[in-house]
Amino acid sequence: MSQPHAPTETPLFRALWEAQEGRCALCGLSMPSNRFDVAHSTLWRHQRPTYDHIVAVARGGADDASNLQLAHARCNRIKGAGPSRNQRRRKG
């Protein structure tokens, strides 16, 4: 399946991008802003910014802006419905 060359520019995306300074909320590394910031489309597929629910909807989290952050697609997939690293730190 083909991925878009750039994330959909919405006010929410732009606000999250700026607040996180273009960094993944899960691993802290920078995210490419478009497909052409990385050498190959496979890298884009793994590194592209995606919306991540801080508290997964499956665990009772809200599906609204206050519960969203940006994360690499790969980091988001690895996290799944589990708690984010920030949540794990708060609990421990």
N, C-alpha and C. Protein backbone atom coordinates (compact mmCIF):
# COMPACT_ATOMS: atom_id res chain seq x y z
N MET A 1 0.84 -1.17 0.00
CA MET A 1 0.00 0.00 0.00
C MET A 1 0.89 1.24 0.00
N SER A 2 0.56 2.18 -0.80
CA SER A 2 1.32 3.40 -0.93
C SER A 2 1.02 4.35 0.23
N GLN A 3 2.04 4.99 0.76
CA GLN A 3 1.89 5.97 1.83
C GLN A 3 1.95 7.36 1.21
N PRO A 4 1.22 8.33 1.77
CA PRO A 4 1.31 9.69 1.26
C PRO A 4 2.73 10.23 1.43
N HIS A 5 3.10 11.17 0.58
CA HIS A 5 4.44 11.75 0.62
C HIS A 5 4.66 12.67 1.81
N ALA A 6 3.59 13.16 2.40
CA ALA A 6 3.68 14.03 3.55
C ALA A 6 2.44 13.85 4.41
N PRO A 7 2.55 14.08 5.72
CA PRO A 7 1.36 13.97 6.55
C PRO A 7 0.34 15.05 6.20
N THR A 8 -0.90 14.77 6.48
CA THR A 8 -1.95 15.75 6.22
C THR A 8 -1.73 16.95 7.12
N GLU A 9 -1.62 18.12 6.52
CA GLU A 9 -1.41 19.35 7.29
C GLU A 9 -2.73 19.81 7.88
N THR A 10 -2.87 19.64 9.16
CA THR A 10 -4.04 20.14 9.88
C THR A 10 -3.54 21.01 11.02
N PRO A 11 -4.39 21.86 11.57
CA PRO A 11 -3.95 22.65 12.72
C PRO A 11 -3.47 21.77 13.89
N LEU A 12 -4.13 20.63 14.12
CA LEU A 12 -3.72 19.73 15.19
C LEU A 12 -2.33 19.15 14.91
N PHE A 13 -2.11 18.68 13.69
CA PHE A 13 -0.81 18.13 13.34
C PHE A 13 0.28 19.19 13.53
N ARG A 14 0.04 20.38 13.02
CA ARG A 14 1.04 21.46 13.10
C ARG A 14 1.32 21.80 14.56
N ALA A 15 0.28 21.86 15.40
CA ALA A 15 0.48 22.19 16.82
C ALA A 15 1.30 21.11 17.53
N LEU A 16 0.99 19.85 17.26
CA LEU A 16 1.75 18.76 17.87
C LEU A 16 3.20 18.74 17.38
N TRP A 17 3.36 18.95 16.07
CA TRP A 17 4.70 18.96 15.47
C TRP A 17 5.57 20.04 16.12
N GLU A 18 5.00 21.23 16.26
CA GLU A 18 5.75 22.34 16.85
C GLU A 18 6.02 22.11 18.34
N ALA A 19 5.03 21.60 19.07
CA ALA A 19 5.20 21.35 20.50
C ALA A 19 6.27 20.29 20.75
N GLN A 20 6.33 19.30 19.87
CA GLN A 20 7.31 18.21 20.03
C GLN A 20 8.60 18.49 19.28
N GLU A 21 8.68 19.63 18.63
CA GLU A 21 9.86 20.04 17.86
C GLU A 21 10.25 18.99 16.82
N GLY A 22 9.25 18.35 16.21
CA GLY A 22 9.49 17.37 15.15
C GLY A 22 10.07 16.06 15.65
N ARG A 23 9.97 15.80 16.95
CA ARG A 23 10.54 14.58 17.53
C ARG A 23 9.43 13.59 17.91
N CYS A 24 9.75 12.32 17.81
CA CYS A 24 8.84 11.24 18.19
C CYS A 24 8.62 11.30 19.70
N ALA A 25 7.37 11.25 20.12
CA ALA A 25 7.06 11.28 21.55
C ALA A 25 7.48 10.01 22.26
N LEU A 26 7.70 8.92 21.52
CA LEU A 26 8.03 7.65 22.14
C LEU A 26 9.53 7.40 22.24
N CYS A 27 10.28 7.69 21.18
CA CYS A 27 11.72 7.41 21.21
C CYS A 27 12.57 8.68 21.31
N GLY A 28 11.99 9.83 21.00
CA GLY A 28 12.71 11.10 21.11
C GLY A 28 13.54 11.48 19.90
N LEU A 29 13.60 10.61 18.89
CA LEU A 29 14.38 10.93 17.68
C LEU A 29 13.55 11.79 16.74
N SER A 30 14.23 12.53 15.86
CA SER A 30 13.51 13.39 14.93
C SER A 30 12.74 12.56 13.90
N MET A 31 11.64 13.13 13.43
CA MET A 31 10.80 12.49 12.42
C MET A 31 10.95 13.27 11.11
N PRO A 32 10.92 12.58 9.98
CA PRO A 32 10.97 13.29 8.70
C PRO A 32 9.66 14.03 8.47
N SER A 33 9.74 15.21 7.90
CA SER A 33 8.50 15.97 7.65
C SER A 33 7.83 15.55 6.35
N ASN A 34 8.58 14.89 5.46
CA ASN A 34 7.96 14.37 4.23
C ASN A 34 8.82 13.23 3.68
N ARG A 35 8.30 12.52 2.72
CA ARG A 35 8.94 11.34 2.14
C ARG A 35 10.34 11.62 1.61
N PHE A 36 10.55 12.83 1.15
CA PHE A 36 11.82 13.16 0.51
C PHE A 36 12.91 13.59 1.51
N ASP A 37 12.59 13.54 2.81
CA ASP A 37 13.59 13.77 3.85
C ASP A 37 14.38 12.50 4.17
N VAL A 38 13.94 11.36 3.62
CA VAL A 38 14.62 10.08 3.86
C VAL A 38 15.03 9.48 2.53
N ALA A 39 16.00 8.58 2.57
CA ALA A 39 16.59 8.05 1.34
C ALA A 39 15.69 7.08 0.57
N HIS A 40 14.78 6.41 1.24
CA HIS A 40 14.01 5.36 0.57
C HIS A 40 12.59 5.32 1.13
N SER A 41 11.65 4.88 0.30
CA SER A 41 10.25 4.83 0.73
C SER A 41 10.03 3.88 1.90
N THR A 42 10.84 2.84 2.03
CA THR A 42 10.71 1.92 3.16
C THR A 42 11.02 2.65 4.47
N LEU A 43 12.03 3.53 4.44
CA LEU A 43 12.34 4.33 5.64
C LEU A 43 11.18 5.24 5.98
N TRP A 44 10.57 5.84 4.97
CA TRP A 44 9.41 6.71 5.20
C TRP A 44 8.29 5.91 5.86
N ARG A 45 8.05 4.72 5.39
CA ARG A 45 6.97 3.90 5.93
C ARG A 45 7.17 3.67 7.44
N HIS A 46 8.40 3.48 7.89
CA HIS A 46 8.68 3.23 9.29
C HIS A 46 8.83 4.51 10.12
N GLN A 47 9.35 5.57 9.50
CA GLN A 47 9.69 6.78 10.25
C GLN A 47 8.66 7.90 10.14
N ARG A 48 7.66 7.73 9.27
CA ARG A 48 6.69 8.82 9.08
C ARG A 48 5.95 9.12 10.37
N PRO A 49 5.58 10.38 10.59
CA PRO A 49 4.85 10.73 11.80
C PRO A 49 3.42 10.19 11.75
N THR A 50 2.97 9.64 12.85
CA THR A 50 1.60 9.16 12.99
C THR A 50 1.03 9.69 14.30
N TYR A 51 -0.29 9.75 14.36
CA TYR A 51 -0.94 10.10 15.62
C TYR A 51 -0.88 8.90 16.55
N ASP A 52 -0.53 9.14 17.80
CA ASP A 52 -0.49 8.10 18.82
C ASP A 52 -1.37 8.55 19.98
N HIS A 53 -2.26 7.67 20.43
CA HIS A 53 -3.05 7.95 21.62
C HIS A 53 -2.16 7.72 22.84
N ILE A 54 -2.01 8.71 23.68
CA ILE A 54 -1.18 8.60 24.87
C ILE A 54 -1.72 7.47 25.75
N VAL A 55 -3.01 7.52 26.05
CA VAL A 55 -3.69 6.40 26.69
C VAL A 55 -4.55 5.77 25.60
N ALA A 56 -4.25 4.53 25.25
CA ALA A 56 -4.94 3.86 24.16
C ALA A 56 -6.45 3.89 24.35
N VAL A 57 -7.17 4.09 23.25
CA VAL A 57 -8.62 4.07 23.29
C VAL A 57 -9.09 2.73 23.86
N ALA A 58 -8.38 1.64 23.52
CA ALA A 58 -8.72 0.31 24.03
C ALA A 58 -8.60 0.23 25.56
N ARG A 59 -7.84 1.16 26.14
CA ARG A 59 -7.67 1.18 27.60
C ARG A 59 -8.45 2.33 28.24
N GLY A 60 -9.41 2.87 27.50
CA GLY A 60 -10.27 3.92 28.06
C GLY A 60 -9.83 5.34 27.76
N GLY A 61 -8.79 5.52 26.94
CA GLY A 61 -8.33 6.86 26.60
C GLY A 61 -9.30 7.57 25.67
N ALA A 62 -9.32 8.87 25.76
CA ALA A 62 -10.20 9.68 24.92
C ALA A 62 -9.64 9.77 23.50
N ASP A 63 -10.53 9.91 22.55
CA ASP A 63 -10.12 10.08 21.15
C ASP A 63 -10.22 11.56 20.80
N ASP A 64 -9.43 12.37 21.53
CA ASP A 64 -9.42 13.81 21.26
C ASP A 64 -8.00 14.35 21.36
N ALA A 65 -7.85 15.61 21.02
CA ALA A 65 -6.52 16.23 20.91
C ALA A 65 -5.71 16.16 22.20
N SER A 66 -6.36 16.19 23.36
CA SER A 66 -5.62 16.17 24.62
C SER A 66 -4.95 14.82 24.88
N ASN A 67 -5.34 13.80 24.13
CA ASN A 67 -4.79 12.45 24.31
C ASN A 67 -3.96 12.02 23.11
N LEU A 68 -3.54 12.97 22.28
CA LEU A 68 -2.77 12.63 21.08
C LEU A 68 -1.36 13.20 21.15
N GLN A 69 -0.45 12.46 20.54
CA GLN A 69 0.93 12.91 20.34
C GLN A 69 1.38 12.33 19.01
N LEU A 70 2.50 12.80 18.49
CA LEU A 70 3.04 12.27 17.24
C LEU A 70 4.16 11.28 17.56
N ALA A 71 4.18 10.19 16.78
CA ALA A 71 5.22 9.17 16.95
C ALA A 71 5.55 8.56 15.60
N HIS A 72 6.79 8.06 15.48
CA HIS A 72 7.14 7.30 14.28
C HIS A 72 6.12 6.17 14.11
N ALA A 73 5.82 5.82 12.87
CA ALA A 73 4.89 4.71 12.62
C ALA A 73 5.39 3.44 13.30
N ARG A 74 6.68 3.17 13.21
CA ARG A 74 7.24 1.96 13.81
C ARG A 74 7.11 1.99 15.34
N CYS A 75 7.44 3.09 15.97
CA CYS A 75 7.32 3.21 17.43
C CYS A 75 5.87 3.02 17.87
N ASN A 76 4.96 3.60 17.11
CA ASN A 76 3.54 3.50 17.41
C ASN A 76 3.08 2.05 17.32
N ARG A 77 3.53 1.34 16.30
CA ARG A 77 3.17 -0.08 16.14
C ARG A 77 3.72 -0.91 17.28
N ILE A 78 4.97 -0.65 17.66
CA ILE A 78 5.59 -1.41 18.76
C ILE A 78 4.85 -1.17 20.07
N LYS A 79 4.47 0.07 20.32
CA LYS A 79 3.75 0.41 21.55
C LYS A 79 2.40 -0.30 21.58
N GLY A 80 1.71 -0.35 20.46
CA GLY A 80 0.39 -0.97 20.41
C GLY A 80 -0.56 -0.30 21.39
N ALA A 81 -1.32 -1.10 22.14
CA ALA A 81 -2.28 -0.56 23.11
C ALA A 81 -1.66 -0.42 24.49
N GLY A 82 -0.34 -0.64 24.59
CA GLY A 82 0.33 -0.52 25.88
C GLY A 82 0.53 0.93 26.27
N PRO A 83 0.98 1.17 27.50
CA PRO A 83 1.23 2.54 27.95
C PRO A 83 2.47 3.12 27.28
N SER A 84 2.47 4.42 27.10
CA SER A 84 3.65 5.07 26.53
C SER A 84 4.76 5.08 27.57
N ARG A 85 5.97 5.35 27.13
CA ARG A 85 7.12 5.39 28.04
C ARG A 85 6.87 6.42 29.15
N ASN A 86 6.25 7.54 28.82
CA ASN A 86 5.96 8.57 29.82
C ASN A 86 5.00 8.04 30.87
N GLN A 87 4.00 7.27 30.47
CA GLN A 87 3.06 6.70 31.44
C GLN A 87 3.77 5.69 32.32
N ARG A 88 4.62 4.86 31.75
CA ARG A 88 5.34 3.86 32.53
C ARG A 88 6.19 4.54 33.60
N ARG A 89 6.82 5.66 33.24
CA ARG A 89 7.65 6.37 34.21
C ARG A 89 6.81 6.93 35.34
N ARG A 90 5.64 7.46 35.03
CA ARG A 90 4.78 8.03 36.07
C ARG A 90 4.32 6.98 37.06
N LYS A 91 4.06 5.76 36.56
CA LYS A 91 3.57 4.69 37.43
C LYS A 91 4.68 4.11 38.29
N GLY A 92 5.94 4.12 37.75
CA GLY A 92 7.03 3.44 38.44
C GLY A 92 7.80 4.24 39.38
